[in-house]
């Protein structure tokens, strides 16, 4: 074969190969459309529920109903924790709504410390709603802003797929210590919400995975995590105070969450999202 023909054949092979790769990439993108659309519905539903529950939470605060406000704190926050991978894309709102006292120079004494945890601090440490009206109004405004932004957001597939692991990693890396809800000790509510959000992502993308052993392993480990949580559930569907857990309890939970986080960290790669 002449050099010209060899070069032509090679060029043709490259074109065919590139075309096949583009077709495969396009097919993969099309396969992602449905789970991403379903996840956006899930996020939108939780964002809307967050608005509704926060309105009631704020009303209780403004009415001076301390115990009622306390009872609504964890159930209201659950909606935020379920969709945290998306909520955190809006850094300004995440800081305003979910920052901790440690993020401020003067800690709890800093007037800029607001959001859920400022309200949590005053409700449990001060046992009052006094001085919370402005913080409650700001929280509600932020929640409504989040709801509006979510509806207009195009969800990045790599962020969504990666979110399954991120939710578990956050629990294992920082939340297991109990630093999240340090005043109310309602940490287990947050954990369950994070697990729910992570499992939702996995379930939506599961039909695109061709490794049955991996799928079975992840499902089994999710079951283990929920089984551990069930030990601390109360009859009304809530959870015991995080203070009830011993150091051994926390280590057991941490180990199971870490295992799941490591497995889910491969999800993006398995979906061809890098």
C-alpha atoms as a PDB file:
ATOM      1  CA  UNK A   1       0.000   0.000   0.000  1.00  0.00           C
ATOM      2  CA  UNK A   2       1.344   3.442  -0.900  1.00  0.00           C
ATOM      3  CA  UNK A   3       2.191   5.957   1.821  1.00  0.00           C
ATOM      4  CA  UNK A   4      -0.704   8.145   0.687  1.00  0.00           C
ATOM      5  CA  UNK A   5      -3.140   5.259   1.001  1.00  0.00           C
ATOM      6  CA  UNK A   6      -1.743   4.302   4.401  1.00  0.00           C
ATOM      7  CA  UNK A   7      -2.147   7.888   5.645  1.00  0.00           C
ATOM      8  CA  UNK A   8      -5.626   8.074   4.201  1.00  0.00           C
ATOM      9  CA  UNK A   9      -6.601   4.805   5.862  1.00  0.00           C
ATOM     10  CA  UNK A  10      -5.218   6.005   9.179  1.00  0.00           C
ATOM     11  CA  UNK A  11      -7.061   9.290   8.883  1.00  0.00           C
ATOM     12  CA  UNK A  12     -10.289   7.467   8.097  1.00  0.00           C
ATOM     13  CA  UNK A  13      -9.777   5.182  11.119  1.00  0.00           C
ATOM     14  CA  UNK A  14      -9.270   8.210  13.367  1.00  0.00           C
ATOM     15  CA  UNK A  15     -12.410   9.854  12.015  1.00  0.00           C
ATOM     16  CA  UNK A  16     -14.431   6.688  12.569  1.00  0.00           C
ATOM     17  CA  UNK A  17     -12.970   6.280  16.050  1.00  0.00           C
ATOM     18  CA  UNK A  18     -13.705   9.917  16.930  1.00  0.00           C
ATOM     19  CA  UNK A  19     -17.207   9.587  15.548  1.00  0.00           C
ATOM     20  CA  UNK A  20     -17.808   6.462  17.615  1.00  0.00           C
ATOM     21  CA  UNK A  21     -16.489   8.186  20.726  1.00  0.00           C
ATOM     22  CA  UNK A  22     -18.741  11.190  20.121  1.00  0.00           C
ATOM     23  CA  UNK A  23     -21.715   8.908  19.565  1.00  0.00           C
ATOM     24  CA  UNK A  24     -20.904   7.031  22.772  1.00  0.00           C
ATOM     25  CA  UNK A  25     -20.505  10.293  24.678  1.00  0.00           C
ATOM     26  CA  UNK A  26     -23.793  11.567  23.282  1.00  0.00           C
ATOM     27  CA  UNK A  27     -25.512   8.336  24.283  1.00  0.00           C
ATOM     28  CA  UNK A  28     -24.070   8.600  27.790  1.00  0.00           C
ATOM     29  CA  UNK A  29     -25.302  12.193  28.033  1.00  0.00           C
ATOM     30  CA  UNK A  30     -28.778  11.155  26.950  1.00  0.00           C
ATOM     31  CA  UNK A  31     -28.798   8.404  29.591  1.00  0.00           C
ATOM     32  CA  UNK A  32     -28.076  10.997  32.267  1.00  0.00           C
ATOM     33  CA  UNK A  33     -31.050  13.175  31.316  1.00  0.00           C
ATOM     34  CA  UNK A  34     -33.694  11.144  33.140  1.00  0.00           C
ATOM     35  CA  UNK A  35     -31.905  10.701  36.497  1.00  0.00           C
ATOM     36  CA  UNK A  36     -30.887  14.363  36.498  1.00  0.00           C
ATOM     37  CA  UNK A  37     -34.468  15.417  35.787  1.00  0.00           C
ATOM     38  CA  UNK A  38     -35.749  13.163  38.561  1.00  0.00           C
ATOM     39  CA  UNK A  39     -33.160  14.514  40.972  1.00  0.00           C
ATOM     40  CA  UNK A  40     -34.112  18.084  40.158  1.00  0.00           C
ATOM     41  CA  UNK A  41     -37.713  17.213  41.066  1.00  0.00           C
ATOM     42  CA  UNK A  42     -36.477  15.707  44.342  1.00  0.00           C
ATOM     43  CA  UNK A  43     -34.470  18.845  45.152  1.00  0.00           C
ATOM     44  CA  UNK A  44     -37.344  21.133  44.178  1.00  0.00           C
ATOM     45  CA  UNK A  45     -39.766  19.218  46.404  1.00  0.00           C
ATOM     46  CA  UNK A  46     -37.432  19.462  49.380  1.00  0.00           C
ATOM     47  CA  UNK A  47     -36.700  23.138  48.734  1.00  0.00           C
ATOM     48  CA  UNK A  48     -40.435  23.867  48.658  1.00  0.00           C
ATOM     49  CA  UNK A  49     -40.987  21.825  51.842  1.00  0.00           C
ATOM     50  CA  UNK A  50     -38.135  23.739  53.461  1.00  0.00           C
ATOM     51  CA  UNK A  51     -39.941  27.008  52.749  1.00  0.00           C
ATOM     52  CA  UNK A  52     -43.215  25.700  54.150  1.00  0.00           C
ATOM     53  CA  UNK A  53     -41.660  24.295  57.323  1.00  0.00           C
ATOM     54  CA  UNK A  54     -39.442  27.339  57.872  1.00  0.00           C
ATOM     55  CA  UNK A  55     -42.507  29.595  57.722  1.00  0.00           C
ATOM     56  CA  UNK A  56     -44.063  27.580  60.562  1.00  0.00           C
ATOM     57  CA  UNK A  57     -40.768  27.504  62.452  1.00  0.00           C
ATOM     58  CA  UNK A  58     -40.411  31.278  62.193  1.00  0.00           C
ATOM     59  CA  UNK A  59     -44.034  31.769  63.273  1.00  0.00           C
ATOM     60  CA  UNK A  60     -43.373  29.763  66.424  1.00  0.00           C
ATOM     61  CA  UNK A  61     -40.272  31.828  67.156  1.00  0.00           C
ATOM     62  CA  UNK A  62     -42.130  35.096  66.723  1.00  0.00           C
ATOM     63  CA  UNK A  63     -44.950  33.843  68.931  1.00  0.00           C
ATOM     64  CA  UNK A  64     -42.431  33.139  71.690  1.00  0.00           C
ATOM     65  CA  UNK A  65     -43.253  29.415  71.670  1.00  0.00           C
ATOM     66  CA  UNK A  66     -39.878  28.072  72.738  1.00  0.00           C
ATOM     67  CA  UNK A  67     -40.728  24.380  73.071  1.00  0.00           C
ATOM     68  CA  UNK A  68     -42.682  24.337  69.815  1.00  0.00           C
ATOM     69  CA  UNK A  69     -39.800  26.015  68.006  1.00  0.00           C
ATOM     70  CA  UNK A  70     -37.385  23.477  69.481  1.00  0.00           C
ATOM     71  CA  UNK A  71     -39.561  20.599  68.282  1.00  0.00           C
ATOM     72  CA  UNK A  72     -39.588  22.030  64.758  1.00  0.00           C
ATOM     73  CA  UNK A  73     -35.865  22.724  64.457  1.00  0.00           C
ATOM     74  CA  UNK A  74     -34.625  19.284  63.372  1.00  0.00           C
ATOM     75  CA  UNK A  75     -37.585  18.345  61.120  1.00  0.00           C
ATOM     76  CA  UNK A  76     -37.248  21.670  59.300  1.00  0.00           C
ATOM     77  CA  UNK A  77     -33.490  21.313  58.767  1.00  0.00           C
ATOM     78  CA  UNK A  78     -33.883  17.820  57.304  1.00  0.00           C
ATOM     79  CA  UNK A  79     -35.003  19.230  53.968  1.00  0.00           C
ATOM     80  CA  UNK A  80     -31.835  21.309  53.719  1.00  0.00           C
ATOM     81  CA  UNK A  81     -29.602  18.402  54.686  1.00  0.00           C
ATOM     82  CA  UNK A  82     -31.139  16.128  52.041  1.00  0.00           C
ATOM     83  CA  UNK A  83     -30.198  18.511  49.229  1.00  0.00           C
ATOM     84  CA  UNK A  84     -26.944  19.845  50.657  1.00  0.00           C
ATOM     85  CA  UNK A  85     -24.809  19.085  47.546  1.00  0.00           C
ATOM     86  CA  UNK A  86     -26.983  21.488  45.554  1.00  0.00           C
ATOM     87  CA  UNK A  87     -27.604  23.992  48.356  1.00  0.00           C
ATOM     88  CA  UNK A  88     -23.853  24.372  48.837  1.00  0.00           C
ATOM     89  CA  UNK A  89     -23.480  25.525  45.228  1.00  0.00           C
ATOM     90  CA  UNK A  90     -24.882  28.837  46.469  1.00  0.00           C
ATOM     91  CA  UNK A  91     -22.046  29.705  48.818  1.00  0.00           C
ATOM     92  CA  UNK A  92     -23.540  32.966  50.041  1.00  0.00           C
ATOM     93  CA  UNK A  93     -26.754  31.265  51.136  1.00  0.00           C
ATOM     94  CA  UNK A  94     -24.941  28.290  52.640  1.00  0.00           C
ATOM     95  CA  UNK A  95     -22.851  30.618  54.816  1.00  0.00           C
ATOM     96  CA  UNK A  96     -25.866  32.679  55.803  1.00  0.00           C
ATOM     97  CA  UNK A  97     -28.065  29.703  56.622  1.00  0.00           C
ATOM     98  CA  UNK A  98     -25.759  26.969  57.855  1.00  0.00           C
ATOM     99  CA  UNK A  99     -22.526  28.440  59.259  1.00  0.00           C
ATOM    100  CA  UNK A 100     -21.376  27.620  62.776  1.00  0.00           C
ATOM    101  CA  UNK A 101     -20.183  29.916  65.574  1.00  0.00           C
ATOM    102  CA  UNK A 102     -16.611  28.739  64.882  1.00  0.00           C
ATOM    103  CA  UNK A 103     -16.751  30.556  61.547  1.00  0.00           C
ATOM    104  CA  UNK A 104     -16.880  33.927  63.323  1.00  0.00           C
ATOM    105  CA  UNK A 105     -14.182  35.725  65.271  1.00  0.00           C
ATOM    106  CA  UNK A 106     -16.369  36.341  68.316  1.00  0.00           C
ATOM    107  CA  UNK A 107     -18.200  33.023  68.116  1.00  0.00           C
ATOM    108  CA  UNK A 108     -21.738  33.105  69.489  1.00  0.00           C
ATOM    109  CA  UNK A 109     -21.214  36.727  70.559  1.00  0.00           C
ATOM    110  CA  UNK A 110     -20.718  37.815  66.960  1.00  0.00           C
ATOM    111  CA  UNK A 111     -23.889  39.487  65.633  1.00  0.00           C
ATOM    112  CA  UNK A 112     -23.050  38.217  62.135  1.00  0.00           C
ATOM    113  CA  UNK A 113     -23.467  34.622  63.306  1.00  0.00           C
ATOM    114  CA  UNK A 114     -26.953  33.803  62.018  1.00  0.00           C
ATOM    115  CA  UNK A 115     -28.989  31.115  60.312  1.00  0.00           C
ATOM    116  CA  UNK A 116     -30.145  27.816  61.734  1.00  0.00           C
ATOM    117  CA  UNK A 117     -27.358  27.498  64.253  1.00  0.00           C
ATOM    118  CA  UNK A 118     -27.755  31.002  65.732  1.00  0.00           C
ATOM    119  CA  UNK A 119     -31.411  30.153  66.331  1.00  0.00           C
ATOM    120  CA  UNK A 120     -30.448  26.733  67.689  1.00  0.00           C
ATOM    121  CA  UNK A 121     -27.979  28.365  70.103  1.00  0.00           C
ATOM    122  CA  UNK A 122     -30.513  30.817  71.523  1.00  0.00           C
ATOM    123  CA  UNK A 123     -33.314  28.255  71.803  1.00  0.00           C
ATOM    124  CA  UNK A 124     -31.270  25.682  73.695  1.00  0.00           C
ATOM    125  CA  UNK A 125     -28.584  27.661  75.497  1.00  0.00           C
ATOM    126  CA  UNK A 126     -30.735  30.661  76.388  1.00  0.00           C
ATOM    127  CA  UNK A 127     -34.079  28.828  76.405  1.00  0.00           C
ATOM    128  CA  UNK A 128     -35.814  31.798  74.839  1.00  0.00           C
ATOM    129  CA  UNK A 129     -36.868  33.293  71.498  1.00  0.00           C
ATOM    130  CA  UNK A 130     -35.969  36.830  72.523  1.00  0.00           C
ATOM    131  CA  UNK A 131     -33.761  38.627  70.040  1.00  0.00           C
ATOM    132  CA  UNK A 132     -34.401  36.080  67.299  1.00  0.00           C
ATOM    133  CA  UNK A 133     -36.961  37.896  65.142  1.00  0.00           C
ATOM    134  CA  UNK A 134     -34.440  39.439  62.743  1.00  0.00           C
ATOM    135  CA  UNK A 135     -32.457  36.207  62.466  1.00  0.00           C
ATOM    136  CA  UNK A 136     -35.657  34.277  61.806  1.00  0.00           C
ATOM    137  CA  UNK A 137     -36.747  36.740  59.105  1.00  0.00           C
ATOM    138  CA  UNK A 138     -33.330  36.488  57.434  1.00  0.00           C
ATOM    139  CA  UNK A 139     -33.435  32.688  57.529  1.00  0.00           C
ATOM    140  CA  UNK A 140     -36.857  32.646  55.886  1.00  0.00           C
ATOM    141  CA  UNK A 141     -35.723  35.103  53.213  1.00  0.00           C
ATOM    142  CA  UNK A 142     -32.678  32.917  52.495  1.00  0.00           C
ATOM    143  CA  UNK A 143     -34.783  29.778  52.299  1.00  0.00           C
ATOM    144  CA  UNK A 144     -37.123  31.405  49.789  1.00  0.00           C
ATOM    145  CA  UNK A 145     -34.134  32.653  47.804  1.00  0.00           C
ATOM    146  CA  UNK A 146     -32.718  29.118  47.721  1.00  0.00           C
ATOM    147  CA  UNK A 147     -36.034  27.783  46.473  1.00  0.00           C
ATOM    148  CA  UNK A 148     -36.078  30.317  43.643  1.00  0.00           C
ATOM    149  CA  UNK A 149     -32.479  29.671  42.636  1.00  0.00           C
ATOM    150  CA  UNK A 150     -32.925  25.908  42.602  1.00  0.00           C
ATOM    151  CA  UNK A 151     -35.776  26.208  40.114  1.00  0.00           C
ATOM    152  CA  UNK A 152     -33.536  28.106  37.700  1.00  0.00           C
ATOM    153  CA  UNK A 153     -30.406  25.956  38.110  1.00  0.00           C
ATOM    154  CA  UNK A 154     -29.054  23.556  35.523  1.00  0.00           C
ATOM    155  CA  UNK A 155     -27.797  20.650  37.586  1.00  0.00           C
ATOM    156  CA  UNK A 156     -24.176  19.670  36.727  1.00  0.00           C
ATOM    157  CA  UNK A 157     -24.148  15.841  36.391  1.00  0.00           C
ATOM    158  CA  UNK A 158     -20.719  15.492  38.000  1.00  0.00           C
ATOM    159  CA  UNK A 159     -21.874  17.496  41.035  1.00  0.00           C
ATOM    160  CA  UNK A 160     -25.021  15.430  41.416  1.00  0.00           C
ATOM    161  CA  UNK A 161     -23.267  12.075  41.035  1.00  0.00           C
ATOM    162  CA  UNK A 162     -20.436  13.184  43.308  1.00  0.00           C
ATOM    163  CA  UNK A 163     -22.944  14.400  45.866  1.00  0.00           C
ATOM    164  CA  UNK A 164     -23.738  10.840  46.949  1.00  0.00           C
ATOM    165  CA  UNK A 165     -20.224  10.469  48.342  1.00  0.00           C
ATOM    166  CA  UNK A 166     -19.939  14.066  49.555  1.00  0.00           C
ATOM    167  CA  UNK A 167     -22.928  13.672  51.869  1.00  0.00           C
ATOM    168  CA  UNK A 168     -21.444  10.561  53.445  1.00  0.00           C
ATOM    169  CA  UNK A 169     -17.947  12.053  53.656  1.00  0.00           C
ATOM    170  CA  UNK A 170     -19.235  15.117  55.502  1.00  0.00           C
ATOM    171  CA  UNK A 171     -20.884  12.934  58.122  1.00  0.00           C
ATOM    172  CA  UNK A 172     -17.754  10.810  58.580  1.00  0.00           C
ATOM    173  CA  UNK A 173     -15.234  13.659  58.480  1.00  0.00           C
ATOM    174  CA  UNK A 174     -16.887  16.324  60.624  1.00  0.00           C
ATOM    175  CA  UNK A 175     -20.453  15.663  61.692  1.00  0.00           C
ATOM    176  CA  UNK A 176     -19.759  12.395  63.526  1.00  0.00           C
ATOM    177  CA  UNK A 177     -17.932  14.454  66.176  1.00  0.00           C
ATOM    178  CA  UNK A 178     -21.197  16.172  67.049  1.00  0.00           C
ATOM    179  CA  UNK A 179     -20.078  19.656  66.052  1.00  0.00           C
ATOM    180  CA  UNK A 180     -23.023  20.278  63.722  1.00  0.00           C
ATOM    181  CA  UNK A 181     -25.947  20.512  66.144  1.00  0.00           C
ATOM    182  CA  UNK A 182     -23.900  21.100  69.279  1.00  0.00           C
ATOM    183  CA  UNK A 183     -26.636  22.868  71.230  1.00  0.00           C
ATOM    184  CA  UNK A 184     -29.720  20.814  70.381  1.00  0.00           C
ATOM    185  CA  UNK A 185     -27.948  17.439  69.971  1.00  0.00           C
ATOM    186  CA  UNK A 186     -30.265  16.633  67.067  1.00  0.00           C
ATOM    187  CA  UNK A 187     -27.346  15.382  64.941  1.00  0.00           C
ATOM    188  CA  UNK A 188     -28.962  12.041  64.125  1.00  0.00           C
ATOM    189  CA  UNK A 189     -31.778  13.825  62.301  1.00  0.00           C
ATOM    190  CA  UNK A 190     -29.166  15.426  60.049  1.00  0.00           C
ATOM    191  CA  UNK A 191     -27.375  12.120  59.532  1.00  0.00           C
ATOM    192  CA  UNK A 192     -30.538  10.406  58.361  1.00  0.00           C
ATOM    193  CA  UNK A 193     -31.319  13.293  56.002  1.00  0.00           C
ATOM    194  CA  UNK A 194     -27.790  13.107  54.560  1.00  0.00           C
ATOM    195  CA  UNK A 195     -28.137   9.354  54.114  1.00  0.00           C
ATOM    196  CA  UNK A 196     -31.527   9.816  52.437  1.00  0.00           C
ATOM    197  CA  UNK A 197     -30.091  12.375  50.023  1.00  0.00           C
ATOM    198  CA  UNK A 198     -27.127  10.163  49.210  1.00  0.00           C
ATOM    199  CA  UNK A 199     -29.263   7.080  48.657  1.00  0.00           C
ATOM    200  CA  UNK A 200     -31.634   9.020  46.398  1.00  0.00           C
ATOM    201  CA  UNK A 201     -28.743   9.940  44.095  1.00  0.00           C
ATOM    202  CA  UNK A 202     -27.474   6.363  44.038  1.00  0.00           C
ATOM    203  CA  UNK A 203     -30.926   4.933  43.306  1.00  0.00           C
ATOM    204  CA  UNK A 204     -31.462   7.319  40.398  1.00  0.00           C
ATOM    205  CA  UNK A 205     -28.160   6.458  38.738  1.00  0.00           C
ATOM    206  CA  UNK A 206     -28.244   2.747  39.597  1.00  0.00           C
ATOM    207  CA  UNK A 207     -29.893   1.682  36.303  1.00  0.00           C
ATOM    208  CA  UNK A 208     -26.845   3.058  34.446  1.00  0.00           C
ATOM    209  CA  UNK A 209     -24.389   0.878  36.380  1.00  0.00           C
ATOM    210  CA  UNK A 210     -23.370  -2.461  34.863  1.00  0.00           C
ATOM    211  CA  UNK A 211     -21.461  -3.803  37.874  1.00  0.00           C
ATOM    212  CA  UNK A 212     -24.019  -5.875  39.760  1.00  0.00           C
ATOM    213  CA  UNK A 213     -21.575  -6.744  42.532  1.00  0.00           C
ATOM    214  CA  UNK A 214     -20.889  -3.055  43.194  1.00  0.00           C
ATOM    215  CA  UNK A 215     -24.600  -2.231  43.257  1.00  0.00           C
ATOM    216  CA  UNK A 216     -25.322  -5.087  45.671  1.00  0.00           C
ATOM    217  CA  UNK A 217     -22.466  -4.042  47.936  1.00  0.00           C
ATOM    218  CA  UNK A 218     -23.610  -0.403  48.102  1.00  0.00           C
ATOM    219  CA  UNK A 219     -27.203  -1.417  48.760  1.00  0.00           C
ATOM    220  CA  UNK A 220     -26.066  -3.752  51.543  1.00  0.00           C
ATOM    221  CA  UNK A 221     -23.968  -1.037  53.148  1.00  0.00           C
ATOM    222  CA  UNK A 222     -26.824   1.482  52.983  1.00  0.00           C
ATOM    223  CA  UNK A 223     -28.954  -1.106  54.781  1.00  0.00           C
ATOM    224  CA  UNK A 224     -26.255  -1.438  57.454  1.00  0.00           C
ATOM    225  CA  UNK A 225     -26.138   2.321  58.017  1.00  0.00           C
ATOM    226  CA  UNK A 226     -29.910   2.578  58.375  1.00  0.00           C
ATOM    227  CA  UNK A 227     -29.918  -0.426  60.700  1.00  0.00           C
ATOM    228  CA  UNK A 228     -27.486   1.368  63.019  1.00  0.00           C
ATOM    229  CA  UNK A 229     -29.622   4.516  62.969  1.00  0.00           C
ATOM    230  CA  UNK A 230     -32.731   2.510  63.789  1.00  0.00           C
ATOM    231  CA  UNK A 231     -31.230   1.657  67.177  1.00  0.00           C
ATOM    232  CA  UNK A 232     -31.524   5.311  68.170  1.00  0.00           C
ATOM    233  CA  UNK A 233     -34.953   6.065  66.728  1.00  0.00           C
ATOM    234  CA  UNK A 234     -37.780   7.096  69.036  1.00  0.00           C
ATOM    235  CA  UNK A 235     -41.398   5.976  68.827  1.00  0.00           C
ATOM    236  CA  UNK A 236     -42.489   9.273  67.265  1.00  0.00           C
ATOM    237  CA  UNK A 237     -40.084   8.837  64.355  1.00  0.00           C
ATOM    238  CA  UNK A 238     -37.410  11.122  65.733  1.00  0.00           C
ATOM    239  CA  UNK A 239     -34.096  10.292  67.354  1.00  0.00           C
ATOM    240  CA  UNK A 240     -32.552  10.275  70.791  1.00  0.00           C
ATOM    241  CA  UNK A 241     -30.141  13.025  71.786  1.00  0.00           C
ATOM    242  CA  UNK A 242     -26.723  12.537  70.238  1.00  0.00           C
ATOM    243  CA  UNK A 243     -25.312  12.644  73.759  1.00  0.00           C
ATOM    244  CA  UNK A 244     -26.842   9.195  74.311  1.00  0.00           C
ATOM    245  CA  UNK A 245     -24.326   7.629  71.931  1.00  0.00           C
ATOM    246  CA  UNK A 246     -21.119   6.294  73.458  1.00  0.00           C
ATOM    247  CA  UNK A 247     -17.711   6.711  71.843  1.00  0.00           C
ATOM    248  CA  UNK A 248     -17.990   3.108  70.662  1.00  0.00           C
ATOM    249  CA  UNK A 249     -21.410   3.821  69.118  1.00  0.00           C
ATOM    250  CA  UNK A 250     -19.908   6.721  67.186  1.00  0.00           C
ATOM    251  CA  UNK A 251     -16.939   4.656  66.024  1.00  0.00           C
ATOM    252  CA  UNK A 252     -19.221   1.913  64.712  1.00  0.00           C
ATOM    253  CA  UNK A 253     -21.383   4.412  62.852  1.00  0.00           C
ATOM    254  CA  UNK A 254     -18.319   6.233  61.516  1.00  0.00           C
ATOM    255  CA  UNK A 255     -16.793   3.002  60.181  1.00  0.00           C
ATOM    256  CA  UNK A 256     -19.932   2.075  58.272  1.00  0.00           C
ATOM    257  CA  UNK A 257     -20.339   5.585  56.862  1.00  0.00           C
ATOM    258  CA  UNK A 258     -16.681   5.670  55.778  1.00  0.00           C
ATOM    259  CA  UNK A 259     -17.035   2.365  53.963  1.00  0.00           C
ATOM    260  CA  UNK A 260     -20.070   3.641  52.095  1.00  0.00           C
ATOM    261  CA  UNK A 261     -18.377   6.948  51.290  1.00  0.00           C
ATOM    262  CA  UNK A 262     -15.389   5.143  49.765  1.00  0.00           C
ATOM    263  CA  UNK A 263     -17.641   3.061  47.533  1.00  0.00           C
ATOM    264  CA  UNK A 264     -19.760   6.012  46.433  1.00  0.00           C
ATOM    265  CA  UNK A 265     -16.634   8.034  45.629  1.00  0.00           C
ATOM    266  CA  UNK A 266     -16.267   5.808  42.546  1.00  0.00           C
ATOM    267  CA  UNK A 267     -19.761   6.584  41.262  1.00  0.00           C
ATOM    268  CA  UNK A 268     -18.743   9.530  39.075  1.00  0.00           C
ATOM    269  CA  UNK A 269     -16.031   7.473  37.392  1.00  0.00           C
ATOM    270  CA  UNK A 270     -18.369   4.552  36.818  1.00  0.00           C
ATOM    271  CA  UNK A 271     -20.744   6.946  35.070  1.00  0.00           C
ATOM    272  CA  UNK A 272     -17.958   8.386  32.922  1.00  0.00           C
ATOM    273  CA  UNK A 273     -18.061  11.756  34.637  1.00  0.00           C
ATOM    274  CA  UNK A 274     -14.397  11.819  35.701  1.00  0.00           C
END
